[in-house]
Amino acid sequence: AQAPTLPIFMGTLSFCVEAAVKGVGGERALEPG
């Protein structure tokens, strides 16, 4: 889902999520909050 905002950003956010999660050590490093 998305809200109508900046289209050119929208297609980049999946890359942002993947890279940020990898950058902190992957799923196992994530905690609530």
Full PDB file with SEQRES, HELIX, SHEET, SSBOND, CRYST1, ORIGX, SCALE, CONECT and MASTER records, all heavy atoms in Angstrom:
SEQRES   1 A   33  ALA GLN ALA PRO THR LEU PRO ILE PHE MET GLY THR LEU          
SEQRES   2 A   33  SER PHE CYS VAL GLU ALA ALA VAL LYS GLY VAL GLY GLY          
SEQRES   3 A   33  GLU ARG ALA LEU GLU PRO GLY                                  
HELIX    1 AA1 PRO A    7  MET A   10  1                                   4    
HELIX    2 AA2 LEU A   13  GLY A   23  1                                  11    
HELIX    3 AA3 GLU A   27  ALA A   29  5                                   3    
CRYST1    1.000    1.000    1.000  90.00  90.00  90.00 P 1           1          
ORIGX1      1.000000  0.000000  0.000000        0.00000                         
ORIGX2      0.000000  1.000000  0.000000        0.00000                         
ORIGX3      0.000000  0.000000  1.000000        0.00000                         
SCALE1      1.000000  0.000000  0.000000        0.00000                         
SCALE2      0.000000  1.000000  0.000000        0.00000                         
SCALE3      0.000000  0.000000  1.000000        0.00000                         
ATOM      1  N   ALA A   1       0.843  -1.192   0.000  1.00  0.00           N  
ATOM      2  CA  ALA A   1       0.000   0.000   0.000  1.00  0.00           C  
ATOM      3  C   ALA A   1       0.877   1.241   0.000  1.00  0.00           C  
ATOM      4  O   ALA A   1       2.013   1.230   0.474  1.00  0.00           O  
ATOM      5  CB  ALA A   1      -0.912   0.014   1.231  1.00  0.00           C  
ATOM      6  N   GLN A   2       0.324   2.320  -0.523  1.00  0.00           N  
ATOM      7  CA  GLN A   2       0.985   3.610  -0.532  1.00  0.00           C  
ATOM      8  C   GLN A   2      -0.075   4.691  -0.528  1.00  0.00           C  
ATOM      9  O   GLN A   2      -1.240   4.427  -0.836  1.00  0.00           O  
ATOM     10  CB  GLN A   2       1.860   3.751  -1.771  1.00  0.00           C  
ATOM     11  CG  GLN A   2       1.061   3.649  -3.060  1.00  0.00           C  
ATOM     12  CD  GLN A   2       1.870   3.981  -4.290  1.00  0.00           C  
ATOM     13  OE1 GLN A   2       2.599   4.958  -4.303  1.00  0.00           O  
ATOM     14  NE2 GLN A   2       1.741   3.177  -5.313  1.00  0.00           N  
ATOM     15  N   ALA A   3       0.338   5.889  -0.184  1.00  0.00           N  
ATOM     16  CA  ALA A   3      -0.531   7.057  -0.323  1.00  0.00           C  
ATOM     17  C   ALA A   3      -0.015   7.872  -1.494  1.00  0.00           C  
ATOM     18  O   ALA A   3       1.180   7.864  -1.777  1.00  0.00           O  
ATOM     19  CB  ALA A   3      -0.509   7.899   0.952  1.00  0.00           C  
ATOM     20  N   PRO A   4      -0.900   8.570  -2.204  1.00  0.00           N  
ATOM     21  CA  PRO A   4      -0.446   9.379  -3.336  1.00  0.00           C  
ATOM     22  C   PRO A   4       0.530  10.461  -2.869  1.00  0.00           C  
ATOM     23  O   PRO A   4       0.139  11.449  -2.259  1.00  0.00           O  
ATOM     24  CB  PRO A   4      -1.744   9.984  -3.880  1.00  0.00           C  
ATOM     25  CG  PRO A   4      -2.833   9.103  -3.380  1.00  0.00           C  
ATOM     26  CD  PRO A   4      -2.363   8.618  -2.044  1.00  0.00           C  
ATOM     27  N   THR A   5       1.784  10.235  -3.121  1.00  0.00           N  
ATOM     28  CA  THR A   5       2.817  11.201  -2.766  1.00  0.00           C  
ATOM     29  C   THR A   5       3.773  11.288  -3.951  1.00  0.00           C  
ATOM     30  O   THR A   5       3.332  11.423  -5.081  1.00  0.00           O  
ATOM     31  CB  THR A   5       3.519  10.790  -1.456  1.00  0.00           C  
ATOM     32  OG1 THR A   5       3.814   9.384  -1.484  1.00  0.00           O  
ATOM     33  CG2 THR A   5       2.630  11.063  -0.248  1.00  0.00           C  
ATOM     34  N   LEU A   6       5.068  11.197  -3.734  1.00  0.00           N  
ATOM     35  CA  LEU A   6       6.035  11.383  -4.817  1.00  0.00           C  
ATOM     36  C   LEU A   6       6.268  10.053  -5.535  1.00  0.00           C  
ATOM     37  O   LEU A   6       6.905   9.160  -4.990  1.00  0.00           O  
ATOM     38  CB  LEU A   6       7.345  11.920  -4.225  1.00  0.00           C  
ATOM     39  CG  LEU A   6       8.403  12.412  -5.187  1.00  0.00           C  
ATOM     40  CD1 LEU A   6       7.885  13.585  -6.007  1.00  0.00           C  
ATOM     41  CD2 LEU A   6       9.645  12.821  -4.421  1.00  0.00           C  
ATOM     42  N   PRO A   7       5.779   9.900  -6.764  1.00  0.00           N  
ATOM     43  CA  PRO A   7       5.875   8.593  -7.437  1.00  0.00           C  
ATOM     44  C   PRO A   7       7.299   8.092  -7.597  1.00  0.00           C  
ATOM     45  O   PRO A   7       7.560   6.896  -7.434  1.00  0.00           O  
ATOM     46  CB  PRO A   7       5.217   8.860  -8.795  1.00  0.00           C  
ATOM     47  CG  PRO A   7       4.315  10.016  -8.590  1.00  0.00           C  
ATOM     48  CD  PRO A   7       4.998  10.870  -7.562  1.00  0.00           C  
ATOM     49  N   ILE A   8       8.230   8.984  -7.921  1.00  0.00           N  
ATOM     50  CA  ILE A   8       9.593   8.538  -8.200  1.00  0.00           C  
ATOM     51  C   ILE A   8      10.268   7.980  -6.960  1.00  0.00           C  
ATOM     52  O   ILE A   8      11.176   7.141  -7.045  1.00  0.00           O  
ATOM     53  CB  ILE A   8      10.423   9.695  -8.803  1.00  0.00           C  
ATOM     54  CG1 ILE A   8      11.635   9.159  -9.563  1.00  0.00           C  
ATOM     55  CG2 ILE A   8      10.815  10.696  -7.742  1.00  0.00           C  
ATOM     56  CD1 ILE A   8      11.304   8.441 -10.829  1.00  0.00           C  
ATOM     57  N   PHE A   9       9.833   8.397  -5.754  1.00  0.00           N  
ATOM     58  CA  PHE A   9      10.338   7.803  -4.516  1.00  0.00           C  
ATOM     59  C   PHE A   9       9.747   6.415  -4.280  1.00  0.00           C  
ATOM     60  O   PHE A   9      10.400   5.542  -3.716  1.00  0.00           O  
ATOM     61  CB  PHE A   9       9.973   8.676  -3.314  1.00  0.00           C  
ATOM     62  CG  PHE A   9      10.891   9.831  -3.064  1.00  0.00           C  
ATOM     63  CD1 PHE A   9      11.927  10.140  -3.931  1.00  0.00           C  
ATOM     64  CD2 PHE A   9      10.716  10.628  -1.948  1.00  0.00           C  
ATOM     65  CE1 PHE A   9      12.759  11.218  -3.687  1.00  0.00           C  
ATOM     66  CE2 PHE A   9      11.548  11.705  -1.691  1.00  0.00           C  
ATOM     67  CZ  PHE A   9      12.570  12.010  -2.561  1.00  0.00           C  
ATOM     68  N   MET A  10       8.488   6.249  -4.685  1.00  0.00           N  
ATOM     69  CA  MET A  10       7.764   5.050  -4.299  1.00  0.00           C  
ATOM     70  C   MET A  10       8.461   3.776  -4.769  1.00  0.00           C  
ATOM     71  O   MET A  10       8.584   2.798  -4.036  1.00  0.00           O  
ATOM     72  CB  MET A  10       6.344   5.102  -4.877  1.00  0.00           C  
ATOM     73  CG  MET A  10       5.425   4.049  -4.317  1.00  0.00           C  
ATOM     74  SD  MET A  10       5.326   4.141  -2.527  1.00  0.00           S  
ATOM     75  CE  MET A  10       4.768   5.824  -2.320  1.00  0.00           C  
ATOM     76  N   GLY A  11       8.951   3.793  -6.006  1.00  0.00           N  
ATOM     77  CA  GLY A  11       9.589   2.592  -6.520  1.00  0.00           C  
ATOM     78  C   GLY A  11      10.963   2.323  -5.954  1.00  0.00           C  
ATOM     79  O   GLY A  11      11.551   1.260  -6.196  1.00  0.00           O  
ATOM     80  N   THR A  12      11.510   3.273  -5.188  1.00  0.00           N  
ATOM     81  CA  THR A  12      12.829   3.066  -4.586  1.00  0.00           C  
ATOM     82  C   THR A  12      12.755   2.530  -3.166  1.00  0.00           C  
ATOM     83  O   THR A  12      13.759   2.039  -2.636  1.00  0.00           O  
ATOM     84  CB  THR A  12      13.631   4.387  -4.549  1.00  0.00           C  
ATOM     85  OG1 THR A  12      12.989   5.316  -3.652  1.00  0.00           O  
ATOM     86  CG2 THR A  12      13.739   5.016  -5.927  1.00  0.00           C  
ATOM     87  N   LEU A  13      11.595   2.613  -2.527  1.00  0.00           N  
ATOM     88  CA  LEU A  13      11.539   2.304  -1.097  1.00  0.00           C  
ATOM     89  C   LEU A  13      11.791   0.831  -0.788  1.00  0.00           C  
ATOM     90  O   LEU A  13      12.314   0.497   0.276  1.00  0.00           O  
ATOM     91  CB  LEU A  13      10.203   2.761  -0.513  1.00  0.00           C  
ATOM     92  CG  LEU A  13      10.189   4.217  -0.041  1.00  0.00           C  
ATOM     93  CD1 LEU A  13       8.773   4.692   0.263  1.00  0.00           C  
ATOM     94  CD2 LEU A  13      11.089   4.416   1.176  1.00  0.00           C  
ATOM     95  N   SER A  14      11.444  -0.075  -1.706  1.00  0.00           N  
ATOM     96  CA  SER A  14      11.748  -1.491  -1.450  1.00  0.00           C  
ATOM     97  C   SER A  14      13.259  -1.697  -1.374  1.00  0.00           C  
ATOM     98  O   SER A  14      13.757  -2.461  -0.533  1.00  0.00           O  
ATOM     99  CB  SER A  14      11.148  -2.373  -2.546  1.00  0.00           C  
ATOM    100  OG  SER A  14      11.657  -2.032  -3.821  1.00  0.00           O  
ATOM    101  N   PHE A  15      14.014  -1.002  -2.249  1.00  0.00           N  
ATOM    102  CA  PHE A  15      15.474  -1.072  -2.177  1.00  0.00           C  
ATOM    103  C   PHE A  15      15.970  -0.521  -0.847  1.00  0.00           C  
ATOM    104  O   PHE A  15      16.923  -1.050  -0.266  1.00  0.00           O  
ATOM    105  CB  PHE A  15      16.092  -0.279  -3.335  1.00  0.00           C  
ATOM    106  CG  PHE A  15      15.826  -0.846  -4.703  1.00  0.00           C  
ATOM    107  CD1 PHE A  15      14.731  -0.441  -5.438  1.00  0.00           C  
ATOM    108  CD2 PHE A  15      16.693  -1.786  -5.256  1.00  0.00           C  
ATOM    109  CE1 PHE A  15      14.493  -0.948  -6.704  1.00  0.00           C  
ATOM    110  CE2 PHE A  15      16.461  -2.308  -6.521  1.00  0.00           C  
ATOM    111  CZ  PHE A  15      15.358  -1.889  -7.249  1.00  0.00           C  
ATOM    112  N   CYS A  16      15.339   0.563  -0.380  1.00  0.00           N  
ATOM    113  CA  CYS A  16      15.729   1.156   0.903  1.00  0.00           C  
ATOM    114  C   CYS A  16      15.527   0.174   2.048  1.00  0.00           C  
ATOM    115  O   CYS A  16      16.397   0.032   2.930  1.00  0.00           O  
ATOM    116  CB  CYS A  16      14.918   2.422   1.166  1.00  0.00           C  
ATOM    117  SG  CYS A  16      15.126   3.751  -0.038  1.00  0.00           S  
ATOM    118  N   VAL A  17      14.373  -0.497   2.062  1.00  0.00           N  
ATOM    119  CA  VAL A  17      14.091  -1.456   3.132  1.00  0.00           C  
ATOM    120  C   VAL A  17      15.123  -2.574   3.123  1.00  0.00           C  
ATOM    121  O   VAL A  17      15.727  -2.915   4.162  1.00  0.00           O  
ATOM    122  CB  VAL A  17      12.667  -2.028   2.983  1.00  0.00           C  
ATOM    123  CG1 VAL A  17      12.432  -3.131   4.007  1.00  0.00           C  
ATOM    124  CG2 VAL A  17      11.619  -0.931   3.143  1.00  0.00           C  
ATOM    125  N   GLU A  18      15.353  -3.155   1.960  1.00  0.00           N  
ATOM    126  CA  GLU A  18      16.284  -4.282   1.871  1.00  0.00           C  
ATOM    127  C   GLU A  18      17.690  -3.875   2.306  1.00  0.00           C  
ATOM    128  O   GLU A  18      18.351  -4.598   3.063  1.00  0.00           O  
ATOM    129  CB  GLU A  18      16.308  -4.817   0.438  1.00  0.00           C  
ATOM    130  CG  GLU A  18      15.012  -5.521   0.038  1.00  0.00           C  
ATOM    131  CD  GLU A  18      14.970  -5.864  -1.432  1.00  0.00           C  
ATOM    132  OE1 GLU A  18      15.796  -5.321  -2.208  1.00  0.00           O  
ATOM    133  OE2 GLU A  18      14.115  -6.684  -1.824  1.00  0.00           O  
ATOM    134  N   ALA A  19      18.158  -2.714   1.845  1.00  0.00           N  
ATOM    135  CA  ALA A  19      19.519  -2.284   2.165  1.00  0.00           C  
ATOM    136  C   ALA A  19      19.658  -1.904   3.633  1.00  0.00           C  
ATOM    137  O   ALA A  19      20.685  -2.201   4.267  1.00  0.00           O  
ATOM    138  CB  ALA A  19      19.916  -1.107   1.273  1.00  0.00           C  
ATOM    139  N   ALA A  20      18.643  -1.246   4.196  1.00  0.00           N  
ATOM    140  CA  ALA A  20      18.720  -0.842   5.600  1.00  0.00           C  
ATOM    141  C   ALA A  20      18.720  -2.060   6.516  1.00  0.00           C  
ATOM    142  O   ALA A  20      19.484  -2.121   7.494  1.00  0.00           O  
ATOM    143  CB  ALA A  20      17.561   0.083   5.945  1.00  0.00           C  
ATOM    144  N   VAL A  21      17.863  -3.032   6.218  1.00  0.00           N  
ATOM    145  CA  VAL A  21      17.812  -4.252   7.037  1.00  0.00           C  
ATOM    146  C   VAL A  21      19.142  -4.995   6.947  1.00  0.00           C  
ATOM    147  O   VAL A  21      19.701  -5.447   7.957  1.00  0.00           O  
ATOM    148  CB  VAL A  21      16.639  -5.148   6.595  1.00  0.00           C  
ATOM    149  CG1 VAL A  21      16.704  -6.505   7.299  1.00  0.00           C  
ATOM    150  CG2 VAL A  21      15.311  -4.461   6.902  1.00  0.00           C  
ATOM    151  N   LYS A  22      19.681  -5.095   5.738  1.00  0.00           N  
ATOM    152  CA  LYS A  22      20.989  -5.737   5.576  1.00  0.00           C  
ATOM    153  C   LYS A  22      22.061  -4.976   6.338  1.00  0.00           C  
ATOM    154  O   LYS A  22      22.945  -5.572   6.966  1.00  0.00           O  
ATOM    155  CB  LYS A  22      21.334  -5.818   4.087  1.00  0.00           C  
ATOM    156  CG  LYS A  22      22.662  -6.497   3.806  1.00  0.00           C  
ATOM    157  CD  LYS A  22      22.946  -6.558   2.304  1.00  0.00           C  
ATOM    158  CE  LYS A  22      24.303  -7.215   2.026  1.00  0.00           C  
ATOM    159  NZ  LYS A  22      24.593  -7.269   0.564  1.00  0.00           N  
ATOM    160  N   GLY A  23      21.972  -3.634   6.310  1.00  0.00           N  
ATOM    161  CA  GLY A  23      22.989  -2.810   6.956  1.00  0.00           C  
ATOM    162  C   GLY A  23      23.066  -2.993   8.459  1.00  0.00           C  
ATOM    163  O   GLY A  23      24.149  -2.829   9.046  1.00  0.00           O  
ATOM    164  N   VAL A  24      21.963  -3.324   9.094  1.00  0.00           N  
ATOM    165  CA  VAL A  24      21.986  -3.501  10.557  1.00  0.00           C  
ATOM    166  C   VAL A  24      22.157  -4.959  10.974  1.00  0.00           C  
ATOM    167  O   VAL A  24      22.119  -5.266  12.165  1.00  0.00           O  
ATOM    168  CB  VAL A  24      20.712  -2.911  11.213  1.00  0.00           C  
ATOM    169  CG1 VAL A  24      20.594  -1.432  10.918  1.00  0.00           C  
ATOM    170  CG2 VAL A  24      19.444  -3.652  10.775  1.00  0.00           C  
ATOM    171  N   GLY A  25      22.324  -5.848   9.989  1.00  0.00           N  
ATOM    172  CA  GLY A  25      22.580  -7.237  10.333  1.00  0.00           C  
ATOM    173  C   GLY A  25      21.507  -8.220   9.942  1.00  0.00           C  
ATOM    174  O   GLY A  25      21.552  -9.377  10.367  1.00  0.00           O  
ATOM    175  N   GLY A  26      20.526  -7.805   9.146  1.00  0.00           N  
ATOM    176  CA  GLY A  26      19.486  -8.718   8.695  1.00  0.00           C  
ATOM    177  C   GLY A  26      18.307  -8.803   9.646  1.00  0.00           C  
ATOM    178  O   GLY A  26      18.279  -8.146  10.699  1.00  0.00           O  
ATOM    179  N   GLU A  27      17.333  -9.624   9.275  1.00  0.00           N  
ATOM    180  CA  GLU A  27      16.098  -9.759  10.059  1.00  0.00           C  
ATOM    181  C   GLU A  27      16.368 -10.102  11.517  1.00  0.00           C  
ATOM    182  O   GLU A  27      15.683  -9.626  12.419  1.00  0.00           O  
ATOM    183  CB  GLU A  27      15.203 -10.848   9.444  1.00  0.00           C  
ATOM    184  CG  GLU A  27      14.294 -10.378   8.342  1.00  0.00           C  
ATOM    185  CD  GLU A  27      13.260 -11.447   8.007  1.00  0.00           C  
ATOM    186  OE1 GLU A  27      13.132 -12.435   8.775  1.00  0.00           O  
ATOM    187  OE2 GLU A  27      12.574 -11.301   6.978  1.00  0.00           O  
ATOM    188  N   ARG A  28      17.366 -10.939  11.742  1.00  0.00           N  
ATOM    189  CA  ARG A  28      17.617 -11.401  13.113  1.00  0.00           C  
ATOM    190  C   ARG A  28      18.027 -10.273  14.045  1.00  0.00           C  
ATOM    191  O   ARG A  28      17.918 -10.398  15.271  1.00  0.00           O  
ATOM    192  CB  ARG A  28      18.706 -12.486  13.099  1.00  0.00           C  
ATOM    193  CG  ARG A  28      18.242 -13.812  12.517  1.00  0.00           C  
ATOM    194  CD  ARG A  28      19.370 -14.813  12.464  1.00  0.00           C  
ATOM    195  NE  ARG A  28      20.449 -14.380  11.581  1.00  0.00           N  
ATOM    196  CZ  ARG A  28      21.563 -15.069  11.378  1.00  0.00           C  
ATOM    197  NH1 ARG A  28      21.765 -16.214  12.013  1.00  0.00           N  
ATOM    198  NH2 ARG A  28      22.492 -14.608  10.549  1.00  0.00           N  
ATOM    199  N   ALA A  29      18.504  -9.159  13.462  1.00  0.00           N  
ATOM    200  CA  ALA A  29      18.927  -8.025  14.289  1.00  0.00           C  
ATOM    201  C   ALA A  29      17.790  -7.066  14.599  1.00  0.00           C  
ATOM    202  O   ALA A  29      17.978  -6.111  15.355  1.00  0.00           O  
ATOM    203  CB  ALA A  29      20.053  -7.270  13.574  1.00  0.00           C  
ATOM    204  N   LEU A  30      16.595  -7.307  14.028  1.00  0.00           N  
ATOM    205  CA  LEU A  30      15.477  -6.383  14.214  1.00  0.00           C  
ATOM    206  C   LEU A  30      14.704  -6.717  15.479  1.00  0.00           C  
ATOM    207  O   LEU A  30      14.485  -7.886  15.801  1.00  0.00           O  
ATOM    208  CB  LEU A  30      14.536  -6.452  13.008  1.00  0.00           C  
ATOM    209  CG  LEU A  30      15.151  -6.110  11.647  1.00  0.00           C  
ATOM    210  CD1 LEU A  30      14.114  -6.290  10.541  1.00  0.00           C  
ATOM    211  CD2 LEU A  30      15.707  -4.691  11.635  1.00  0.00           C  
ATOM    212  N   GLU A  31      14.270  -5.658  16.172  1.00  0.00           N  
ATOM    213  CA  GLU A  31      13.480  -5.812  17.391  1.00  0.00           C  
ATOM    214  C   GLU A  31      12.298  -4.850  17.344  1.00  0.00           C  
ATOM    215  O   GLU A  31      12.351  -3.816  16.656  1.00  0.00           O  
ATOM    216  CB  GLU A  31      14.337  -5.508  18.621  1.00  0.00           C  
ATOM    217  CG  GLU A  31      15.551  -6.402  18.790  1.00  0.00           C  
ATOM    218  CD  GLU A  31      16.385  -5.976  19.989  1.00  0.00           C  
ATOM    219  OE1 GLU A  31      17.197  -5.046  19.839  1.00  0.00           O  
ATOM    220  OE2 GLU A  31      16.195  -6.573  21.070  1.00  0.00           O  
ATOM    221  N   PRO A  32      11.226  -5.170  18.073  1.00  0.00           N  
ATOM    222  CA  PRO A  32      10.098  -4.233  18.126  1.00  0.00           C  
ATOM    223  C   PRO A  32      10.548  -2.850  18.599  1.00  0.00           C  
ATOM    224  O   PRO A  32      11.324  -2.735  19.552  1.00  0.00           O  
ATOM    225  CB  PRO A  32       9.149  -4.893  19.135  1.00  0.00           C  
ATOM    226  CG  PRO A  32       9.470  -6.353  19.054  1.00  0.00           C  
ATOM    227  CD  PRO A  32      10.950  -6.421  18.808  1.00  0.00           C  
ATOM    228  N   GLY A  33      10.089  -1.812  17.926  1.00  0.00           N  
ATOM    229  CA  GLY A  33      10.454  -0.451  18.275  1.00  0.00           C  
ATOM    230  C   GLY A  33      11.650   0.091  17.530  1.00  0.00           C  
ATOM    231  O   GLY A  33      11.960   1.286  17.611  1.00  0.00           O  
TER     232      GLY A  33                                                      
MASTER        0    0    0    3    0    0    0    6  231    1    0    3          
END                                                                             
